Amino acid sequence: MATDKKNPAKTALPARIADNKKASFNYHIEERFEAGMVLEGWEVKALREGKVQLTDGYVVIRNGELFLIGCQINPLGTASTHIRPDAVRTKKLLLHKDEIRRLIGKVEQKGHTLVPLNLHWKNGKVKAEIALAKGKAEHDKRDTIKEREGKREVERAMKQRGR
């Protein structure tokens, strides 16, 4: 993918705004989806400054629509005086109707849920990457920790060997 010749600032690769690092630790990720977000102006400005936290966020389906709950966007101090920013406002996610119908069927299965993985810019718009996930058991989380520590030990050994 190449950059835009007229505007080199626009690249084809999405720029990350925030990641939900807890999601891959707490859940087995099965499918990923990219959804648009309905945001207010002050929220977009705060996202440009990186004032967002996704770790407690989750996605619910109400009346055939997706909503992101628990995603905290902290307002800037220079926000307008005539609006009252709500940092934990429920945000609507935009996805094709057939994808939403498919997700409804999957989420109704026991143990499946929708979690936000990250927020990123794509063509000047904010997109949320959400995932259909299944919760990990406690022993699976311990296995994840053991794998991570094992990789660190290997990296340390390789680094020591290189010296």
Protein backbone atom coordinates (compact mmCIF):
# COMPACT_ATOMS: atom_id res chain seq x y z
CA MET A 1 0.00 0.00 0.00
CA ALA A 2 1.38 3.35 -0.99
CA THR A 3 1.02 6.83 0.40
CA ASP A 4 -1.15 9.50 -1.15
CA LYS A 5 1.01 11.53 -3.58
CA LYS A 6 -0.87 14.78 -2.94
CA ASN A 7 -0.76 14.51 0.84
CA PRO A 8 2.10 12.42 2.26
CA ALA A 9 0.55 12.64 5.75
CA LYS A 10 -2.27 10.36 4.61
CA THR A 11 -0.95 6.82 4.64
CA ALA A 12 -2.72 3.60 3.85
CA LEU A 13 -1.75 2.09 7.21
CA PRO A 14 -4.13 2.95 10.06
CA ALA A 15 -2.68 5.05 12.89
CA ARG A 16 -3.38 3.57 16.30
CA ILE A 17 -5.14 5.74 18.87
CA ALA A 18 -5.54 3.23 21.71
CA ASP A 19 -5.19 -0.50 22.31
CA ASN A 20 -7.02 -2.82 24.69
CA LYS A 21 -4.12 -4.96 25.91
CA LYS A 22 -6.28 -6.81 28.42
CA ALA A 23 -8.51 -8.21 25.66
CA SER A 24 -5.98 -10.72 24.33
CA PHE A 25 -5.13 -11.78 27.89
CA ASN A 26 -8.73 -12.30 29.05
CA TYR A 27 -10.26 -13.66 25.82
CA HIS A 28 -9.62 -16.06 22.95
CA ILE A 29 -10.10 -13.85 19.86
CA GLU A 30 -12.11 -15.68 17.19
CA GLU A 31 -13.13 -13.05 14.62
CA ARG A 32 -12.25 -9.40 14.09
CA PHE A 33 -14.44 -6.64 12.66
CA GLU A 34 -13.82 -2.99 11.84
CA ALA A 35 -16.67 -0.67 12.81
CA GLY A 36 -17.18 3.06 12.43
CA MET A 37 -18.03 5.17 15.47
CA VAL A 38 -20.57 7.93 16.04
CA LEU A 39 -18.67 10.63 17.94
CA GLU A 40 -19.17 14.22 19.00
CA GLY A 41 -16.70 16.95 18.03
CA TRP A 42 -15.04 17.21 21.44
CA GLU A 43 -14.49 13.43 21.44
CA VAL A 44 -12.63 13.54 18.12
CA LYS A 45 -10.40 16.33 19.42
CA ALA A 46 -9.67 14.36 22.59
CA LEU A 47 -8.86 11.25 20.50
CA ARG A 48 -6.35 13.27 18.48
CA GLU A 49 -4.61 14.02 21.79
CA GLY A 50 -4.77 10.33 22.80
CA LYS A 51 -7.01 10.87 25.84
CA VAL A 52 -8.85 7.55 25.64
CA GLN A 53 -8.94 4.38 27.71
CA LEU A 54 -10.38 1.12 26.32
CA THR A 55 -9.57 -1.51 28.96
CA ASP A 56 -13.00 -1.51 30.63
CA GLY A 57 -14.94 -1.26 27.37
CA TYR A 58 -17.31 -3.83 25.96
CA VAL A 59 -19.81 -4.02 23.10
CA VAL A 60 -23.53 -4.75 23.48
CA ILE A 61 -26.25 -5.33 20.91
CA ARG A 62 -29.53 -3.48 21.48
CA ASN A 63 -32.39 -3.45 18.98
CA GLY A 64 -30.12 -4.68 16.19
CA GLU A 65 -27.49 -1.97 16.79
CA LEU A 66 -24.03 -2.14 18.33
CA PHE A 67 -22.99 0.12 21.20
CA LEU A 68 -19.60 0.58 22.85
CA ILE A 69 -19.95 0.94 26.62
CA GLY A 70 -17.22 1.74 29.13
CA CYS A 71 -14.81 3.38 26.70
CA GLN A 72 -13.62 6.50 28.46
CA ILE A 73 -12.71 9.56 26.39
CA ASN A 74 -11.47 12.32 28.68
CA PRO A 75 -12.41 15.81 27.49
CA LEU A 76 -9.72 18.38 26.84
CA GLY A 77 -9.41 21.31 29.19
CA THR A 78 -10.03 23.62 26.26
CA ALA A 79 -13.44 22.10 25.49
CA SER A 80 -16.24 24.48 24.63
CA THR A 81 -18.17 26.10 27.47
CA HIS A 82 -21.62 25.48 25.98
CA ILE A 83 -21.41 21.65 26.03
CA ARG A 84 -21.24 19.23 28.94
CA PRO A 85 -18.81 16.46 27.96
CA ASP A 86 -19.64 13.01 29.31
CA ALA A 87 -16.43 10.94 29.43
CA VAL A 88 -18.17 7.53 29.55
CA ARG A 89 -20.97 8.23 27.07
CA THR A 90 -22.31 5.17 25.22
CA LYS A 91 -21.06 5.32 21.63
CA LYS A 92 -22.86 3.78 18.69
CA LEU A 93 -20.84 1.53 16.38
CA LEU A 94 -21.55 1.33 12.66
CA LEU A 95 -21.44 -2.04 10.93
CA HIS A 96 -23.26 -3.60 7.97
CA LYS A 97 -26.67 -5.09 8.83
CA ASP A 98 -25.74 -8.59 7.68
CA GLU A 99 -22.60 -8.56 9.87
CA ILE A 100 -24.66 -7.42 12.86
CA ARG A 101 -27.19 -10.23 12.27
CA ARG A 102 -24.37 -12.76 12.13
CA LEU A 103 -22.86 -11.36 15.33
CA ILE A 104 -26.22 -11.57 17.13
CA GLY A 105 -26.33 -15.31 16.41
CA LYS A 106 -22.75 -15.82 17.58
CA VAL A 107 -23.07 -13.72 20.77
CA GLU A 108 -26.13 -15.70 21.86
CA GLN A 109 -23.91 -18.78 22.09
CA LYS A 110 -22.67 -19.45 25.60
CA GLY A 111 -19.39 -17.78 26.49
CA HIS A 112 -19.13 -15.49 23.45
CA THR A 113 -18.91 -11.72 23.77
CA LEU A 114 -17.85 -8.67 21.78
CA VAL A 115 -14.82 -6.71 23.00
CA PRO A 116 -13.08 -3.64 21.56
CA LEU A 117 -9.47 -4.32 20.57
CA ASN A 118 -8.32 -0.90 19.44
CA LEU A 119 -9.25 2.49 18.04
CA HIS A 120 -7.48 3.78 14.94
CA TRP A 121 -7.68 6.38 12.19
CA LYS A 122 -8.62 5.29 8.69
CA ASN A 123 -9.04 7.88 5.92
CA GLY A 124 -9.59 10.62 8.49
CA LYS A 125 -12.29 8.70 10.36
CA VAL A 126 -12.14 6.92 13.71
CA LYS A 127 -12.63 3.17 13.47
CA ALA A 128 -12.98 0.63 16.25
CA GLU A 129 -11.65 -2.88 15.81
CA ILE A 130 -13.97 -5.19 17.71
CA ALA A 131 -13.66 -8.92 18.16
CA LEU A 132 -15.94 -11.84 18.72
CA ALA A 133 -14.25 -13.49 21.67
CA LYS A 134 -14.67 -16.28 24.16
CA GLY A 135 -13.59 -15.83 27.77
CA LYS A 136 -10.48 -17.64 28.95
CA ALA A 137 -10.50 -19.88 32.00
CA GLU A 138 -8.07 -19.15 34.82
CA HIS A 139 -5.69 -21.96 33.76
CA ASP A 140 -5.58 -20.53 30.22
CA LYS A 141 -4.51 -17.17 31.63
CA ARG A 142 -1.74 -18.87 33.60
CA ASP A 143 -0.59 -20.61 30.40
CA THR A 144 -0.49 -17.23 28.65
CA ILE A 145 1.70 -15.82 31.43
CA LYS A 146 4.03 -18.85 31.26
CA GLU A 147 4.38 -18.45 27.47
CA ARG A 148 5.17 -14.75 27.82
CA GLU A 149 7.78 -15.38 30.51
CA GLY A 150 9.31 -18.20 28.45
CA LYS A 151 9.66 -15.87 25.46
CA ARG A 152 11.32 -13.25 27.67
CA GLU A 153 13.82 -15.82 28.97
CA VAL A 154 14.71 -16.86 25.42
CA GLU A 155 15.15 -13.20 24.41
CA ARG A 156 17.40 -12.57 27.43
CA ALA A 157 19.51 -15.64 26.65
CA MET A 158 19.89 -14.57 23.01
CA LYS A 159 20.84 -11.05 24.09
CA GLN A 160 23.47 -12.38 26.53
CA ARG A 161 24.85 -14.68 23.84
CA GLY A 162 25.21 -11.80 21.41
CA ARG A 163 27.46 -9.84 23.76
